Amino acid sequence: MILDYEPGDKVTNPNNKDWGIGQVQSIINSKVTVNFENVGKKVINADAIKLEKIK
């Protein structure tokens, strides 16, 4: 699986828009650690949730 974002990129979680904008911290296999402005750090399973990159 190839992800279209990398550490430092800004993303949103389409399933939880109220989390706000997040910044990708790290990517290990399909686990993406994102620091969201409203809920803090979350580990996202990229196989289950498609984060949306903010351009």
Protein backbone atom coordinates (compact mmCIF):
# COMPACT_ATOMS: atom_id res chain seq x y z
CA MET A 1 0.00 0.00 0.00
CA ILE A 2 1.33 3.41 -0.95
CA LEU A 3 0.12 6.38 1.07
CA ASP A 4 -0.13 9.82 -0.51
CA TYR A 5 1.15 11.70 2.55
CA GLU A 6 4.31 11.82 4.61
CA PRO A 7 5.45 13.25 7.97
CA GLY A 8 4.77 16.97 8.14
CA ASP A 9 1.74 16.88 5.83
CA LYS A 10 -1.57 18.31 7.01
CA VAL A 11 -4.56 15.93 6.91
CA THR A 12 -8.13 15.54 8.11
CA ASN A 13 -10.02 12.43 9.16
CA PRO A 14 -13.20 12.30 7.04
CA ASN A 15 -14.89 10.13 9.69
CA ASN A 16 -14.18 12.69 12.45
CA LYS A 17 -14.11 16.17 10.92
CA ASP A 18 -14.49 17.71 14.39
CA TRP A 19 -10.94 16.54 15.22
CA GLY A 20 -9.77 19.43 13.08
CA ILE A 21 -6.61 19.59 11.00
CA GLY A 22 -3.87 17.17 11.91
CA GLN A 23 -0.17 16.98 11.11
CA VAL A 24 1.31 13.58 10.26
CA GLN A 25 4.02 12.73 12.80
CA SER A 26 5.12 9.27 11.65
CA ILE A 27 4.14 6.36 9.42
CA ILE A 28 5.03 2.79 10.35
CA ASN A 29 3.53 0.22 7.99
CA SER A 30 -0.19 1.10 7.96
CA LYS A 31 -0.14 2.93 11.32
CA VAL A 32 -0.12 6.70 10.90
CA THR A 33 0.42 8.90 13.96
CA VAL A 34 -1.29 12.27 13.56
CA ASN A 35 -1.40 15.22 15.97
CA PHE A 36 -4.88 16.76 15.58
CA GLU A 37 -5.61 20.31 16.73
CA ASN A 38 -8.76 19.43 18.74
CA VAL A 39 -8.04 15.93 20.12
CA GLY A 40 -4.27 15.62 20.21
CA LYS A 41 -2.25 12.64 19.03
CA LYS A 42 -4.06 9.70 17.43
CA VAL A 43 -2.78 6.53 15.76
CA ILE A 44 -4.78 5.85 12.61
CA ASN A 45 -4.95 2.51 10.81
CA ALA A 46 -4.53 3.62 7.19
CA ASP A 47 -5.98 0.29 6.00
CA ALA A 48 -9.31 1.20 7.62
CA ILE A 49 -9.41 5.01 7.39
CA LYS A 50 -8.41 7.08 4.38
CA LEU A 51 -7.03 10.37 5.66
CA GLU A 52 -7.57 13.34 3.36
CA LYS A 53 -4.48 15.38 2.57
CA ILE A 54 -4.87 19.16 2.69
CA LYS A 55 -3.18 20.75 -0.28
